[in-house]
N, C-alpha and C. Protein backbone atom coordinates (compact mmCIF):
# COMPACT_ATOMS: atom_id res chain seq x y z
N ASN A 1 -0.12 -57.57 43.62
CA ASN A 1 1.18 -57.06 43.24
C ASN A 1 1.38 -55.62 43.73
N ALA A 2 0.36 -54.80 43.55
CA ALA A 2 0.49 -53.39 43.96
C ALA A 2 0.75 -53.28 45.46
N ALA A 3 0.07 -54.10 46.24
CA ALA A 3 0.25 -54.05 47.70
C ALA A 3 1.65 -54.52 48.09
N LYS A 4 2.11 -55.60 47.47
CA LYS A 4 3.43 -56.17 47.81
C LYS A 4 4.56 -55.23 47.39
N VAL A 5 4.55 -54.79 46.15
CA VAL A 5 5.62 -53.92 45.65
C VAL A 5 5.54 -52.55 46.33
N GLY A 6 4.33 -52.05 46.56
CA GLY A 6 4.16 -50.77 47.24
C GLY A 6 4.69 -50.80 48.66
N ALA A 7 4.39 -51.87 49.39
CA ALA A 7 4.90 -51.99 50.77
C ALA A 7 6.42 -52.04 50.77
N TYR A 8 6.99 -52.77 49.82
CA TYR A 8 8.45 -52.85 49.70
C TYR A 8 9.04 -51.47 49.42
N LEU A 9 8.48 -50.76 48.45
CA LEU A 9 8.98 -49.43 48.11
C LEU A 9 8.90 -48.47 49.30
N MET A 10 7.77 -48.49 50.00
CA MET A 10 7.63 -47.58 51.15
C MET A 10 8.65 -47.88 52.23
N GLU A 11 8.90 -49.17 52.51
CA GLU A 11 9.89 -49.53 53.52
C GLU A 11 11.29 -49.08 53.11
N GLU A 12 11.63 -49.26 51.84
CA GLU A 12 12.95 -48.85 51.35
C GLU A 12 13.09 -47.33 51.36
N LEU A 13 12.04 -46.62 50.99
CA LEU A 13 12.10 -45.15 50.96
C LEU A 13 12.24 -44.57 52.36
N LYS A 14 11.69 -45.23 53.37
CA LYS A 14 11.80 -44.76 54.76
C LYS A 14 13.24 -44.79 55.26
N LYS A 15 14.11 -45.50 54.58
CA LYS A 15 15.51 -45.59 54.98
C LYS A 15 16.32 -44.36 54.57
N PHE A 16 15.77 -43.53 53.69
CA PHE A 16 16.48 -42.33 53.24
C PHE A 16 16.28 -41.22 54.28
N PRO A 17 17.35 -40.75 54.91
CA PRO A 17 17.20 -39.71 55.94
C PRO A 17 16.71 -38.37 55.39
N GLN A 18 16.86 -38.16 54.09
CA GLN A 18 16.43 -36.90 53.47
C GLN A 18 14.91 -36.78 53.41
N ILE A 19 14.21 -37.91 53.50
CA ILE A 19 12.75 -37.91 53.38
C ILE A 19 12.14 -37.76 54.77
N LYS A 20 11.32 -36.75 54.94
CA LYS A 20 10.68 -36.46 56.21
C LYS A 20 9.59 -37.50 56.53
N GLU A 21 8.76 -37.83 55.52
CA GLU A 21 7.66 -38.77 55.72
C GLU A 21 7.36 -39.50 54.41
N VAL A 22 7.06 -40.79 54.53
CA VAL A 22 6.60 -41.59 53.40
C VAL A 22 5.19 -42.07 53.74
N ARG A 23 4.25 -41.81 52.82
CA ARG A 23 2.87 -42.23 53.08
C ARG A 23 2.24 -42.71 51.78
N GLY A 24 1.21 -43.50 51.91
CA GLY A 24 0.52 -43.97 50.72
C GLY A 24 -0.22 -45.26 50.93
N GLU A 25 -0.72 -45.78 49.83
CA GLU A 25 -1.47 -47.02 49.81
C GLU A 25 -1.14 -47.73 48.51
N GLY A 26 -0.70 -48.98 48.59
CA GLY A 26 -0.30 -49.70 47.39
C GLY A 26 0.86 -48.98 46.72
N LEU A 27 0.72 -48.73 45.43
CA LEU A 27 1.77 -48.04 44.69
C LEU A 27 1.56 -46.53 44.59
N MET A 28 0.53 -46.01 45.23
CA MET A 28 0.31 -44.57 45.28
C MET A 28 1.06 -44.06 46.52
N ILE A 29 2.23 -43.48 46.30
CA ILE A 29 3.16 -43.15 47.39
C ILE A 29 3.52 -41.67 47.34
N GLY A 30 3.54 -41.05 48.51
CA GLY A 30 3.99 -39.66 48.64
C GLY A 30 5.22 -39.61 49.52
N MET A 31 6.22 -38.83 49.09
CA MET A 31 7.45 -38.64 49.87
C MET A 31 7.56 -37.16 50.20
N GLU A 32 7.49 -36.84 51.48
CA GLU A 32 7.58 -35.45 51.90
C GLU A 32 8.99 -35.11 52.35
N PHE A 33 9.49 -33.98 51.87
CA PHE A 33 10.83 -33.50 52.20
C PHE A 33 10.71 -32.21 53.01
N GLU A 34 11.78 -31.85 53.71
CA GLU A 34 11.81 -30.60 54.47
C GLU A 34 11.89 -29.39 53.53
N GLU A 35 12.61 -29.57 52.41
CA GLU A 35 12.83 -28.45 51.49
C GLU A 35 12.03 -28.67 50.20
N PRO A 36 11.89 -27.64 49.38
CA PRO A 36 11.20 -27.80 48.09
C PRO A 36 11.87 -28.87 47.23
N ILE A 37 11.07 -29.60 46.47
CA ILE A 37 11.54 -30.75 45.71
C ILE A 37 11.76 -30.46 44.23
N LYS A 38 11.68 -29.22 43.84
CA LYS A 38 11.78 -28.87 42.42
C LYS A 38 13.07 -29.39 41.78
N GLU A 39 14.20 -29.20 42.44
CA GLU A 39 15.49 -29.63 41.88
C GLU A 39 15.60 -31.15 41.85
N ILE A 40 15.10 -31.83 42.86
CA ILE A 40 15.12 -33.29 42.88
C ILE A 40 14.32 -33.84 41.71
N ARG A 41 13.13 -33.30 41.48
CA ARG A 41 12.29 -33.75 40.38
C ARG A 41 12.96 -33.47 39.03
N ARG A 42 13.58 -32.32 38.91
CA ARG A 42 14.26 -31.97 37.66
C ARG A 42 15.38 -32.96 37.37
N ARG A 43 16.19 -33.26 38.38
CA ARG A 43 17.30 -34.20 38.20
C ARG A 43 16.80 -35.62 37.92
N LEU A 44 15.72 -36.03 38.60
CA LEU A 44 15.15 -37.35 38.31
C LEU A 44 14.73 -37.45 36.85
N LEU A 45 14.08 -36.41 36.36
CA LEU A 45 13.57 -36.43 34.99
C LEU A 45 14.69 -36.35 33.96
N PHE A 46 15.55 -35.37 34.07
CA PHE A 46 16.54 -35.12 33.02
C PHE A 46 17.81 -35.97 33.13
N GLU A 47 18.20 -36.34 34.33
CA GLU A 47 19.40 -37.15 34.49
C GLU A 47 19.10 -38.64 34.54
N GLN A 48 17.99 -39.02 35.19
CA GLN A 48 17.68 -40.43 35.40
C GLN A 48 16.49 -40.92 34.58
N LYS A 49 15.83 -40.02 33.87
CA LYS A 49 14.67 -40.36 33.02
C LYS A 49 13.53 -41.00 33.82
N VAL A 50 13.30 -40.46 35.03
CA VAL A 50 12.22 -40.93 35.90
C VAL A 50 11.22 -39.79 36.08
N PHE A 51 9.98 -40.03 35.65
CA PHE A 51 8.93 -39.02 35.78
C PHE A 51 8.18 -39.24 37.09
N THR A 52 8.02 -38.16 37.86
CA THR A 52 7.27 -38.23 39.11
C THR A 52 6.20 -37.16 39.11
N GLY A 53 5.26 -37.33 40.00
CA GLY A 53 4.23 -36.32 40.19
C GLY A 53 4.61 -35.42 41.35
N VAL A 54 3.76 -34.46 41.61
CA VAL A 54 4.02 -33.52 42.70
C VAL A 54 2.71 -33.25 43.42
N SER A 55 2.82 -33.00 44.71
CA SER A 55 1.66 -32.64 45.51
C SER A 55 2.11 -31.57 46.49
N GLY A 56 2.03 -30.35 46.09
CA GLY A 56 2.53 -29.26 46.91
C GLY A 56 4.00 -28.99 46.64
N THR A 57 4.59 -28.15 47.46
CA THR A 57 5.96 -27.71 47.26
C THR A 57 6.99 -28.74 47.69
N ASN A 58 6.66 -29.54 48.71
CA ASN A 58 7.65 -30.43 49.31
C ASN A 58 7.35 -31.92 49.15
N VAL A 59 6.36 -32.28 48.34
CA VAL A 59 5.96 -33.70 48.24
C VAL A 59 6.09 -34.21 46.80
N ILE A 60 6.87 -35.28 46.66
CA ILE A 60 6.95 -36.00 45.39
C ILE A 60 5.94 -37.13 45.45
N ARG A 61 5.19 -37.29 44.38
CA ARG A 61 4.16 -38.33 44.33
C ARG A 61 4.57 -39.38 43.30
N LEU A 62 4.51 -40.64 43.71
CA LEU A 62 4.75 -41.76 42.80
C LEU A 62 3.42 -42.42 42.49
N LEU A 63 3.17 -42.65 41.23
CA LEU A 63 1.95 -43.33 40.81
C LEU A 63 2.27 -44.20 39.59
N PRO A 64 3.08 -45.25 39.82
CA PRO A 64 3.47 -46.11 38.70
C PRO A 64 2.34 -47.05 38.31
N PRO A 65 2.49 -47.77 37.20
CA PRO A 65 1.48 -48.76 36.82
C PRO A 65 1.36 -49.85 37.89
N LEU A 66 0.19 -50.40 38.03
CA LEU A 66 -0.04 -51.43 39.06
C LEU A 66 0.74 -52.71 38.80
N CYS A 67 1.25 -52.88 37.60
CA CYS A 67 2.02 -54.08 37.27
C CYS A 67 3.52 -53.87 37.48
N LEU A 68 3.92 -52.81 38.18
CA LEU A 68 5.34 -52.55 38.45
C LEU A 68 5.97 -53.76 39.11
N SER A 69 7.09 -54.22 38.57
CA SER A 69 7.76 -55.40 39.13
C SER A 69 8.75 -54.99 40.22
N MET A 70 9.20 -55.98 40.97
CA MET A 70 10.22 -55.73 42.00
C MET A 70 11.51 -55.23 41.36
N ASP A 71 11.87 -55.78 40.20
CA ASP A 71 13.08 -55.33 39.51
C ASP A 71 12.96 -53.86 39.11
N GLU A 72 11.79 -53.46 38.63
CA GLU A 72 11.57 -52.07 38.25
C GLU A 72 11.57 -51.16 39.48
N ALA A 73 11.02 -51.65 40.59
CA ALA A 73 11.05 -50.88 41.84
C ALA A 73 12.49 -50.67 42.30
N ASN A 74 13.30 -51.72 42.21
CA ASN A 74 14.70 -51.60 42.59
C ASN A 74 15.46 -50.65 41.67
N GLU A 75 15.13 -50.67 40.40
CA GLU A 75 15.76 -49.74 39.44
C GLU A 75 15.41 -48.30 39.81
N PHE A 76 14.16 -48.06 40.19
CA PHE A 76 13.77 -46.71 40.64
C PHE A 76 14.59 -46.31 41.86
N LEU A 77 14.72 -47.21 42.83
CA LEU A 77 15.46 -46.89 44.05
C LEU A 77 16.92 -46.54 43.75
N ILE A 78 17.52 -47.26 42.82
CA ILE A 78 18.91 -46.97 42.42
C ILE A 78 19.01 -45.57 41.81
N ARG A 79 18.10 -45.26 40.90
CA ARG A 79 18.12 -43.94 40.25
C ARG A 79 17.80 -42.83 41.23
N PHE A 80 16.85 -43.08 42.13
CA PHE A 80 16.46 -42.08 43.14
C PHE A 80 17.65 -41.79 44.06
N LYS A 81 18.35 -42.83 44.46
CA LYS A 81 19.50 -42.67 45.35
C LYS A 81 20.58 -41.81 44.70
N LYS A 82 20.82 -41.97 43.41
CA LYS A 82 21.82 -41.18 42.69
C LYS A 82 21.49 -39.69 42.74
N VAL A 83 20.22 -39.37 42.78
CA VAL A 83 19.79 -37.96 42.74
C VAL A 83 19.83 -37.31 44.11
N ILE A 84 19.48 -38.03 45.16
CA ILE A 84 19.39 -37.35 46.46
C ILE A 84 20.62 -37.50 47.33
N GLU A 85 21.58 -38.32 46.91
CA GLU A 85 22.80 -38.44 47.74
C GLU A 85 23.96 -37.70 47.12
């Protein structure tokens, strides 16, 4: 499940032009941006109720449970899109 849902998430995240690079393995995913991600993370947390990790100034880290479903992955993508567009 982690490999399938993770591959799907990475492919979908690569479609966002705001993301410089998407990297990871399974559901452990890093999204690198050109600019600092502090405001994006703040909006995800307080507006969309999505908690993310961080790795440096420009990288958002996703580390969801290994049982993340496709429906939950799609819900994340919807909420993420609201914040960065």
